[in-house]
C-alpha cells in the first residue's frame, strides 16, 4: 500500500507524526487508537486503544473480535488460505454492527494443524491473547504472563519489559510438561514498539523449548523501525528459528515537543469503609490455591481462577470454563435494568469479566482498571478527561486508575475482582466509583462467588 502520513496532537506543544506502512484492512487510525500523555519519564505518550477494553470502555464483543481477526490473519499467513469471514469481522470492528451474531459464529472456528502455545502479555494484552486463543477449535494452549509474585511456585520463565511501568514478567504453570508439547509458539501483545520485550522472552523460551523453531508475534500495532526489523532477521539466523510478525497496522512514529503536565487529578477522597450486603452467586468455578505478595509486601491469600489462563488452559478446558462463565452471567443478568451497564475488570483480570459482559445482553460495556498512569485534562479534544485513583483491590498498596467513567450515564457498574485481598480496600473502590457515578455498584468477588452491593 502507499505510505500514509498523519500528525496527531497529543497536548499543546506535544504531537506525534505517524507514517503508516502496512494497513491491509484499511483501518483509520481512530478505528484502533487515540493518543494521550503518560506520567512516566521512560515514555511520555500512550497509544490508547479503542478496541482493547483497557483504558476506554467498549462493547465487550469488540476486543473479542479483535483477537479473532488476529487469529484469522495468523491462520491465513501460515495456511495460505483465504478466510472468508475476515471482511465481515473487519466491517464489524469498523462499524460496530452485527457483532454479537458474528462473534457467536466465529468463536472456536479455526483449525490448528499443530499443537500451538499462545502467550498473552500482562497486563494490557491478557484478554487480547485469550481472545486470539478463543478463536481456535483444538490443538491450542493459552497462558499469560503476570507481574505478580507467587512464592509457592517457581516461575516457568521470567523476562523483562524495559519501558513499562512495571517491568518484570513471569509465567507460572503447574503443568510444564503439557506446555512443552507445543510445536509452535505465538506471542500476543497489543503493541510492538521496539521488539525488545519479544527478544527477551524468546531468548528465555528457547531454553525451555529447544525443539520449537517457529515463533509468531501478533499485535494490533507494530511500530518497529527498519533497523529493529533487521535485528530480528539477524536473530532468526543466529538462533536457527523463524519469527513472523503479524499486525493489524504497521508504521513508524516520532514525537515532537515535550508534554507540559501542569496538573493531575488528585486521588478521589473516600469515606470510611462500610459494611455491604451479600448476594450469593451459586455456580462453582475452578480455583487454584496460591498466595501472592504485592510490591509493598502485603500478602493476598485468596485463590486464583483457572479460567483466566494464568496457569495454562487447553482448548478443552477453555470451553468448559466458558460454560461456568455463562452460568454466572445468567444470574448477574437479573440485576440489569434498562439502562447502559459497565463491567469493570481489574488489572490483569480482564478476559473473564469481558466474556461475562458479552453474555449480559444489549447496552453493556467493558473496561479495566490499570496501573498505567495517564495524564488527565479537561480539554474535550483530549482522550482522557476523567480519572479516579484507588488502591488495587487485589494487590493492596499498588495504585490503580480508571478513566472516563463519570460522563457516561450508566445505571449499573459491575466491578469484578478475581481475589479480594482486603474488603475495606474494595469498599473504598466502591465509594470512589459512587463519587463519580449515580449507577448502582455491584462487586463480584470471584473467589467467594458472592456479589457485594
Protein backbone atom coordinates (compact mmCIF):
# COMPACT_ATOMS: atom_id res chain seq x y z
CA UNK A 1 0.00 0.00 0.00
CA UNK A 2 1.02 3.63 -0.39
CA UNK A 3 2.58 5.06 2.74
CA UNK A 4 0.34 7.50 4.62
CA UNK A 5 1.50 10.32 6.89
CA UNK A 6 -0.55 11.65 9.79
CA UNK A 7 0.13 14.21 12.50
CA UNK A 8 -1.77 13.83 15.78
CA UNK A 9 -1.74 16.46 18.52
CA UNK A 10 -1.46 14.96 21.98
CA UNK A 11 -1.20 18.15 24.05
CA UNK A 12 -0.26 21.75 23.23
CA UNK A 13 3.36 21.71 22.03
CA UNK A 14 3.40 17.91 22.00
CA UNK A 15 2.47 15.88 18.91
CA UNK A 16 3.24 12.65 17.12
CA UNK A 17 3.94 12.06 13.43
CA UNK A 18 2.84 8.65 12.18
CA UNK A 19 3.88 7.03 8.92
CA UNK A 20 1.59 4.10 8.17
CA UNK A 21 3.40 1.46 6.12
CA UNK A 22 1.10 -1.57 6.26
CA UNK A 23 -2.67 -1.50 6.73
CA UNK A 24 -4.14 -4.47 4.85
CA UNK A 25 -7.70 -3.94 6.11
CA UNK A 26 -7.72 -0.14 5.64
CA UNK A 27 -8.42 0.83 9.22
CA UNK A 28 -8.37 4.52 10.09
CA UNK A 29 -6.06 5.42 12.96
CA UNK A 30 -9.07 6.39 15.09
CA UNK A 31 -10.58 2.93 14.49
CA UNK A 32 -7.76 1.45 16.56
CA UNK A 33 -6.37 4.10 18.92
CA UNK A 34 -6.26 7.63 20.28
CA UNK A 35 -3.26 9.41 21.77
CA UNK A 36 -2.62 10.50 25.37
CA UNK A 37 0.28 11.58 27.54
CA UNK A 38 1.59 9.19 30.14
CA UNK A 39 3.06 10.15 33.50
CA UNK A 40 6.23 8.13 33.01
CA UNK A 41 9.68 9.59 32.33
CA UNK A 42 10.70 6.49 30.34
CA UNK A 43 7.92 7.06 27.82
CA UNK A 44 5.61 10.07 27.96
CA UNK A 45 2.99 9.06 25.39
CA UNK A 46 0.47 6.25 25.11
CA UNK A 47 -1.46 4.72 22.23
CA UNK A 48 -4.85 4.37 23.93
CA UNK A 49 -6.61 1.51 22.21
CA UNK A 50 -10.23 1.90 21.13
CA UNK A 51 -10.63 -1.87 20.57
CA UNK A 52 -8.96 -3.37 23.62
CA UNK A 53 -11.31 -2.59 26.51
CA UNK A 54 -8.49 -1.45 28.78
CA UNK A 55 -8.39 2.31 29.26
CA UNK A 56 -11.58 3.10 27.33
CA UNK A 57 -14.96 1.40 27.63
CA UNK A 58 -16.04 -0.68 24.62
CA UNK A 59 -18.69 -3.22 23.78
CA UNK A 60 -17.10 -6.49 25.00
CA UNK A 61 -17.55 -8.12 21.60
CA UNK A 62 -15.12 -5.59 20.07
CA UNK A 63 -11.93 -6.83 21.84
CA UNK A 64 -13.12 -10.43 21.41
CA UNK A 65 -13.47 -9.84 17.65
CA UNK A 66 -10.12 -8.02 17.55
CA UNK A 67 -8.46 -11.17 18.88
CA UNK A 68 -10.45 -13.20 16.35
CA UNK A 69 -9.18 -11.02 13.49
CA UNK A 70 -5.58 -11.55 14.60
CA UNK A 71 -6.23 -15.30 14.81
CA UNK A 72 -7.63 -15.27 11.26
CA UNK A 73 -4.66 -13.27 9.98
CA UNK A 74 -2.35 -15.82 11.64
CA UNK A 75 -4.26 -18.67 10.01
CA UNK A 76 -4.12 -17.01 6.59
CA UNK A 77 -0.41 -16.36 6.91
CA UNK A 78 0.54 -19.95 7.71
CA UNK A 79 -2.09 -21.84 5.73
CA UNK A 80 -2.10 -19.52 2.68
CA UNK A 81 -5.87 -19.98 2.56
CA UNK A 82 -8.36 -17.12 2.43
CA UNK A 83 -10.59 -16.90 5.49
CA UNK A 84 -13.99 -15.90 4.11
CA UNK A 85 -15.23 -14.30 7.32
CA UNK A 86 -12.36 -11.76 7.60
CA UNK A 87 -14.23 -8.98 5.70
CA UNK A 88 -17.24 -9.40 8.00
CA UNK A 89 -15.05 -9.17 11.11
CA UNK A 90 -13.27 -6.07 9.77
CA UNK A 91 -16.61 -4.42 8.93
CA UNK A 92 -17.98 -5.22 12.38
CA UNK A 93 -14.93 -3.69 14.07
CA UNK A 94 -15.19 -0.53 11.98
CA UNK A 95 -18.95 -0.06 12.25
CA UNK A 96 -19.87 -1.88 15.48
CA UNK A 97 -22.78 -3.67 13.79
CA UNK A 98 -23.87 -7.33 13.93
CA UNK A 99 -21.08 -8.04 16.39
CA UNK A 100 -22.90 -10.49 18.67
CA UNK A 101 -24.14 -12.78 15.94
CA UNK A 102 -20.80 -12.66 14.16
CA UNK A 103 -18.84 -13.44 17.31
CA UNK A 104 -21.02 -16.45 18.04
CA UNK A 105 -20.36 -17.80 14.55
CA UNK A 106 -16.56 -17.40 14.57
CA UNK A 107 -15.59 -18.42 18.12
CA UNK A 108 -13.68 -21.69 18.05
CA UNK A 109 -13.96 -21.89 14.28
CA UNK A 110 -10.29 -22.09 13.21
CA UNK A 111 -8.42 -25.37 13.00
CA UNK A 112 -4.79 -25.79 14.01
CA UNK A 113 -2.63 -28.44 12.39
CA UNK A 114 -0.01 -28.43 15.16
CA UNK A 115 -0.09 -28.06 18.93
CA UNK A 116 0.40 -24.33 19.48
CA UNK A 117 1.09 -22.34 22.64
CA UNK A 118 -0.41 -18.82 22.76
CA UNK A 119 1.11 -16.40 25.29
CA UNK A 120 -0.54 -13.07 26.16
CA UNK A 121 1.50 -10.24 27.69
CA UNK A 122 0.45 -8.66 31.00
CA UNK A 123 -1.20 -6.55 31.84
CA UNK A 124 -2.81 -4.98 28.83
CA UNK A 125 -2.87 -7.97 26.47
CA UNK A 126 -4.01 -10.75 28.82
CA UNK A 127 -7.53 -10.61 27.34
CA UNK A 128 -6.34 -9.97 23.77
CA UNK A 129 -4.19 -13.10 23.90
CA UNK A 130 -7.10 -15.07 25.35
CA UNK A 131 -9.38 -13.76 22.59
CA UNK A 132 -6.91 -14.99 19.95
CA UNK A 133 -6.81 -18.40 21.63
CA UNK A 134 -10.63 -18.42 21.81
CA UNK A 135 -10.83 -18.49 18.01
CA UNK A 136 -9.25 -21.95 17.68
CA UNK A 137 -11.02 -25.30 17.94
CA UNK A 138 -8.30 -27.54 19.35
CA UNK A 139 -4.54 -28.15 19.48
CA UNK A 140 -4.18 -24.85 21.35
CA UNK A 141 -2.94 -23.87 24.79
CA UNK A 142 -3.06 -20.44 26.39
CA UNK A 143 -1.13 -18.83 29.21
CA UNK A 144 -0.45 -15.21 30.08
CA UNK A 145 2.49 -13.55 31.73
CA UNK A 146 1.97 -11.86 35.08
CA UNK A 147 3.57 -9.11 37.16
CA UNK A 148 2.52 -10.91 40.35
CA UNK A 149 4.90 -12.75 42.67
CA UNK A 150 3.77 -16.20 43.86
CA UNK A 151 6.29 -17.53 46.42
CA UNK A 152 4.80 -21.06 46.48
CA UNK A 153 5.60 -21.86 42.86
CA UNK A 154 8.77 -21.46 40.81
CA UNK A 155 8.29 -19.32 37.69
CA UNK A 156 8.48 -21.34 34.49
CA UNK A 157 10.15 -18.35 32.82
CA UNK A 158 10.90 -14.72 33.73
CA UNK A 159 11.81 -11.84 31.45
CA UNK A 160 11.85 -8.04 31.37
CA UNK A 161 9.94 -5.23 29.64
CA UNK A 162 12.21 -2.21 29.98
CA UNK A 163 9.87 0.68 29.05
CA UNK A 164 6.89 -0.48 31.11
CA UNK A 165 5.60 0.97 34.37
CA UNK A 166 6.20 -2.48 35.92
CA UNK A 167 8.99 -4.30 34.16
CA UNK A 168 9.22 -7.93 35.32
CA UNK A 169 7.11 -10.64 33.63
CA UNK A 170 6.69 -14.17 34.96
CA UNK A 171 4.96 -17.29 33.69
CA UNK A 172 3.70 -19.82 36.23
CA UNK A 173 2.31 -23.25 35.42
CA UNK A 174 1.52 -26.48 37.24
CA UNK A 175 1.97 -28.48 34.03
CA UNK A 176 5.22 -27.52 32.29
CA UNK A 177 5.30 -30.91 30.56
CA UNK A 178 1.98 -30.07 28.84
CA UNK A 179 3.25 -26.66 27.73
CA UNK A 180 6.39 -28.22 26.33
CA UNK A 181 4.36 -30.31 23.89
CA UNK A 182 3.97 -27.14 21.79
CA UNK A 183 5.35 -27.26 18.25
CA UNK A 184 4.77 -23.53 17.68
CA UNK A 185 4.67 -20.52 20.00
CA UNK A 186 2.58 -17.41 19.37
CA UNK A 187 3.19 -14.25 21.41
CA UNK A 188 0.40 -11.66 21.65
CA UNK A 189 0.73 -8.02 22.68
CA UNK A 190 -1.42 -5.01 21.92
CA UNK A 191 1.52 -3.02 20.61
CA UNK A 192 5.10 -3.72 19.50
CA UNK A 193 7.25 -0.60 19.77
CA UNK A 194 10.89 -1.73 19.65
CA UNK A 195 10.54 -5.51 19.88
CA UNK A 196 12.92 -5.68 22.86
CA UNK A 197 10.36 -7.43 25.07
CA UNK A 198 9.83 -10.04 22.35
CA UNK A 199 13.58 -10.62 22.16
CA UNK A 200 13.76 -11.03 25.93
CA UNK A 201 11.00 -13.64 26.11
CA UNK A 202 12.11 -15.63 23.06
CA UNK A 203 15.65 -15.73 24.43
CA UNK A 204 14.22 -17.25 27.62
CA UNK A 205 11.72 -19.56 25.90
CA UNK A 206 14.41 -21.09 23.66
CA UNK A 207 15.93 -22.69 26.76
CA UNK A 208 12.59 -24.27 27.72
CA UNK A 209 11.52 -25.15 24.16
CA UNK A 210 14.70 -26.18 22.32
CA UNK A 211 12.71 -28.03 19.63
CA UNK A 212 10.36 -25.13 18.77
CA UNK A 213 11.61 -23.48 15.60
CA UNK A 214 8.55 -21.41 14.65
CA UNK A 215 7.54 -18.30 16.56
CA UNK A 216 4.88 -15.73 15.65
CA UNK A 217 4.17 -12.33 17.20
CA UNK A 218 0.63 -10.95 16.89
CA UNK A 219 -0.26 -7.35 17.72
CA UNK A 220 -2.77 -4.65 16.91
CA UNK A 221 0.04 -2.16 16.22
CA UNK A 222 3.64 -2.72 15.13
CA UNK A 223 5.88 0.36 15.24
CA UNK A 224 9.33 -1.24 14.74
CA UNK A 225 11.81 0.68 12.63
CA UNK A 226 13.63 -0.82 9.64
CA UNK A 227 16.70 -1.22 11.84
CA UNK A 228 14.73 -3.02 14.53
CA UNK A 229 13.22 -5.35 11.91
CA UNK A 230 16.73 -6.12 10.71
CA UNK A 231 17.68 -7.15 14.25
CA UNK A 232 15.04 -9.89 14.12
CA UNK A 233 16.30 -11.14 10.76
CA UNK A 234 19.76 -11.46 12.31
CA UNK A 235 18.38 -13.24 15.37
CA UNK A 236 16.48 -15.71 13.17
CA UNK A 237 19.76 -16.69 11.53
CA UNK A 238 21.68 -16.69 14.80
CA UNK A 239 19.10 -18.76 16.70
CA UNK A 240 18.03 -21.00 13.81
CA UNK A 241 14.34 -20.15 14.18
CA UNK A 242 11.66 -18.19 12.32
CA UNK A 243 9.92 -15.19 13.91
CA UNK A 244 6.89 -13.98 11.94
CA UNK A 245 5.25 -10.67 12.87
CA UNK A 246 1.55 -10.20 12.09
CA UNK A 247 -0.18 -6.91 12.92
CA UNK A 248 -3.41 -5.15 12.02
CA UNK A 249 -1.48 -1.94 11.38
CA UNK A 250 2.24 -1.24 10.93
CA UNK A 251 4.14 2.01 10.77
CA UNK A 252 6.69 4.26 12.39
CA UNK A 253 6.33 7.34 14.55
CA UNK A 254 8.26 10.23 16.04
CA UNK A 255 7.24 12.66 18.77
CA UNK A 256 7.76 16.40 18.58
CA UNK A 257 7.93 18.71 21.57
CA UNK A 258 7.63 17.94 25.25
CA UNK A 259 4.44 17.47 27.27
CA UNK A 260 3.69 20.11 29.87
CA UNK A 261 1.95 18.12 32.58
CA UNK A 262 0.86 21.09 34.65
CA UNK A 263 -1.81 19.42 36.76
CA UNK A 264 -3.05 15.95 37.56
CA UNK A 265 -6.31 14.85 39.07
CA UNK A 266 -5.81 14.02 42.75
CA UNK A 267 -6.95 10.81 44.35
CA UNK A 268 -10.70 10.73 44.91
CA UNK A 269 -11.39 11.30 48.60
CA UNK A 270 -13.27 8.38 50.10
CA UNK A 271 -15.09 7.81 53.38
CA UNK A 272 -14.53 5.05 55.90
CA UNK A 273 -15.32 1.58 54.60
CA UNK A 274 -18.91 0.49 55.20
CA UNK A 275 -20.48 -2.94 55.51
CA UNK A 276 -22.08 -4.33 52.36
CA UNK A 277 -24.91 -6.78 51.87
CA UNK A 278 -24.13 -10.00 50.02
CA UNK A 279 -25.96 -11.72 47.19
CA UNK A 280 -24.59 -15.24 46.51
CA UNK A 281 -23.67 -16.48 43.05
CA UNK A 282 -24.40 -20.17 43.20
CA UNK A 283 -22.36 -21.76 40.43
CA UNK A 284 -18.96 -23.29 41.27
CA UNK A 285 -15.86 -22.28 39.35
CA UNK A 286 -12.46 -23.97 39.34
CA UNK A 287 -9.84 -22.32 41.56
CA UNK A 288 -6.09 -22.66 42.15
CA UNK A 289 -4.81 -22.09 45.67
CA UNK A 290 -1.70 -19.91 45.60
CA UNK A 291 -0.94 -16.73 47.52
CA UNK A 292 0.73 -13.63 46.13
CA UNK A 293 2.90 -10.90 47.63
CA UNK A 294 2.32 -7.32 46.48
CA UNK A 295 5.20 -4.93 45.83
CA UNK A 296 4.84 -3.47 49.32
CA UNK A 297 4.93 -6.92 50.94
CA UNK A 298 1.18 -7.29 51.58
CA UNK A 299 0.02 -10.89 51.17
CA UNK A 300 -3.14 -11.94 49.32
CA UNK A 301 -4.16 -15.45 50.38
CA UNK A 302 -7.19 -15.76 48.10
CA UNK A 303 -7.20 -18.36 45.28
CA UNK A 304 -6.87 -17.70 41.56
CA UNK A 305 -9.35 -18.78 38.89
CA UNK A 306 -8.38 -21.43 36.39
CA UNK A 307 -10.48 -19.69 33.73
CA UNK A 308 -8.06 -16.76 33.41
CA UNK A 309 -5.36 -18.85 31.74
CA UNK A 310 -2.76 -17.50 34.17
CA UNK A 311 -1.55 -21.05 34.84
CA UNK A 312 -2.39 -22.51 31.37
CA UNK A 313 -5.56 -23.62 29.66
CA UNK A 314 -6.05 -26.18 26.92
CA UNK A 315 -8.80 -25.69 24.34
CA UNK A 316 -10.94 -28.33 26.07
CA UNK A 317 -10.53 -26.68 29.48
CA UNK A 318 -11.26 -23.26 28.00
CA UNK A 319 -14.61 -24.20 26.50
CA UNK A 320 -15.60 -25.98 29.72
CA UNK A 321 -14.76 -22.87 31.74
CA UNK A 322 -16.88 -20.72 29.41
CA UNK A 323 -19.97 -22.73 30.41
CA UNK A 324 -19.41 -21.65 34.02
CA UNK A 325 -18.99 -18.02 32.96
CA UNK A 326 -22.29 -18.21 31.08
CA UNK A 327 -23.98 -19.55 34.22
CA UNK A 328 -22.60 -16.67 36.31
CA UNK A 329 -23.72 -14.16 33.66
CA UNK A 330 -27.23 -15.63 33.72
CA UNK A 331 -27.51 -14.77 37.42
CA UNK A 332 -25.98 -11.30 37.05
CA UNK A 333 -28.35 -10.54 34.20
CA UNK A 334 -31.19 -10.49 36.74
CA UNK A 335 -29.61 -7.35 38.22
CA UNK A 336 -29.75 -5.46 34.91
CA UNK A 337 -32.21 -2.65 34.28
CA UNK A 338 -32.99 -0.88 31.01
CA UNK A 339 -30.04 1.50 31.07
CA UNK A 340 -26.41 1.02 29.96
CA UNK A 341 -24.12 -1.02 32.21
CA UNK A 342 -20.35 -1.16 32.62
CA UNK A 343 -18.44 -4.29 33.62
CA UNK A 344 -15.06 -3.42 35.15
CA UNK A 345 -12.14 -5.84 35.16
CA UNK A 346 -9.14 -5.34 37.43
CA UNK A 347 -5.54 -5.19 36.23
CA UNK A 348 -4.57 -8.48 34.59
CA UNK A 349 -8.01 -9.91 35.31
CA UNK A 350 -9.63 -8.90 32.03
CA UNK A 351 -10.79 -11.83 29.92
CA UNK A 352 -13.20 -13.44 32.40
CA UNK A 353 -15.17 -10.22 33.13
CA UNK A 354 -15.02 -9.33 29.42
CA UNK A 355 -16.51 -12.68 28.45
CA UNK A 356 -19.17 -12.42 31.16
CA UNK A 357 -20.01 -8.91 29.92
CA UNK A 358 -20.56 -10.31 26.43
CA UNK A 359 -23.32 -12.55 27.85
CA UNK A 360 -25.19 -9.79 29.71
CA UNK A 361 -27.29 -8.50 26.82
CA UNK A 362 -27.52 -5.19 24.98
CA UNK A 363 -26.01 -1.87 26.03
CA UNK A 364 -23.30 -3.48 28.19
CA UNK A 365 -19.74 -2.11 28.03
CA UNK A 366 -16.41 -3.28 29.38
CA UNK A 367 -13.17 -1.74 30.54
CA UNK A 368 -10.48 -2.49 33.09
CA UNK A 369 -8.59 -0.78 35.85
CA UNK A 370 -4.93 -0.23 35.03
CA UNK A 371 -1.67 0.61 36.72
CA UNK A 372 -0.71 2.84 33.78
CA UNK A 373 -0.82 6.50 34.93
CA UNK A 374 -2.29 8.54 32.08
CA UNK A 375 -2.33 12.32 32.24
CA UNK A 376 -5.84 13.81 32.52
CA UNK A 377 -7.02 17.21 31.36
CA UNK A 378 -10.39 18.93 30.93
CA UNK A 379 -9.71 19.65 27.26
CA UNK A 380 -12.61 17.94 25.47
CA UNK A 381 -10.40 17.20 22.43
CA UNK A 382 -8.11 15.10 24.63
CA UNK A 383 -8.59 11.36 25.14
CA UNK A 384 -8.65 11.18 28.96
CA UNK A 385 -10.85 13.76 30.65
CA UNK A 386 -11.84 11.82 33.79
CA UNK A 387 -9.75 9.79 36.18
CA UNK A 388 -10.23 8.08 39.51
CA UNK A 389 -7.36 6.73 41.55
CA UNK A 390 -7.54 3.99 44.15
CA UNK A 391 -5.66 1.14 45.73
CA UNK A 392 -5.74 -2.14 43.81
CA UNK A 393 -8.30 -4.47 45.42
CA UNK A 394 -6.10 -7.47 44.59
CA UNK A 395 -2.58 -6.10 45.09
CA UNK A 396 -3.05 -3.75 48.02
CA UNK A 397 -0.56 -0.91 48.04
CA UNK A 398 -0.41 -0.67 44.23
CA UNK A 399 -2.11 2.39 42.75
CA UNK A 400 -4.74 1.71 40.07
CA UNK A 401 -6.65 4.02 37.75
CA UNK A 402 -9.98 4.04 35.92
CA UNK A 403 -10.71 6.53 33.16
CA UNK A 404 -13.71 8.33 31.63
CA UNK A 405 -16.48 6.79 33.75
CA UNK A 406 -18.15 9.94 35.08
CA UNK A 407 -19.72 11.31 31.89
CA UNK A 408 -21.36 8.03 30.86
CA UNK A 409 -24.95 7.53 32.09
CA UNK A 410 -24.51 4.01 33.42
CA UNK A 411 -27.29 2.51 35.52
CA UNK A 412 -25.14 -0.39 36.82
CA UNK A 413 -21.43 -0.81 37.43
CA UNK A 414 -20.26 -4.42 37.89
CA UNK A 415 -16.79 -4.47 39.46
CA UNK A 416 -15.36 -7.98 39.05
CA UNK A 417 -12.42 -8.88 41.28
CA UNK A 418 -10.61 -12.19 41.00
CA UNK A 419 -9.12 -12.21 44.51
CA UNK A 420 -10.09 -9.65 47.14
CA UNK A 421 -7.19 -9.12 49.48
CA UNK A 422 -8.98 -6.72 51.83
CA UNK A 423 -12.70 -5.91 51.84
CA UNK A 424 -12.09 -2.43 53.26
CA UNK A 425 -9.97 -1.61 50.21
CA UNK A 426 -12.79 -2.84 47.96
CA UNK A 427 -15.29 -0.71 49.87
CA UNK A 428 -13.10 2.34 49.20
CA UNK A 429 -13.04 1.47 45.50
CA UNK A 430 -16.85 1.29 45.55
CA UNK A 431 -17.01 4.71 47.23
CA UNK A 432 -14.65 6.12 44.60
CA UNK A 433 -16.99 4.83 41.89
CA UNK A 434 -20.04 6.20 43.70
CA UNK A 435 -18.37 9.60 43.95
CA UNK A 436 -18.35 9.95 40.14
CA UNK A 437 -21.41 7.91 39.11
CA UNK A 438 -25.02 7.60 40.21
CA UNK A 439 -25.07 3.98 38.98
CA UNK A 440 -25.81 1.05 41.26
CA UNK A 441 -22.45 -0.56 42.06
CA UNK A 442 -22.09 -4.33 42.39
CA UNK A 443 -18.88 -6.08 43.41
CA UNK A 444 -18.50 -9.62 42.11
CA UNK A 445 -15.99 -11.38 44.33
CA UNK A 446 -14.96 -14.36 42.21
CA UNK A 447 -13.14 -16.33 44.87
CA UNK A 448 -16.17 -16.29 47.20
CA UNK A 449 -18.70 -16.17 44.37
CA UNK A 450 -20.77 -13.54 46.11
CA UNK A 451 -21.94 -10.18 44.82
CA UNK A 452 -21.37 -7.25 47.19
CA UNK A 453 -23.68 -4.33 46.67
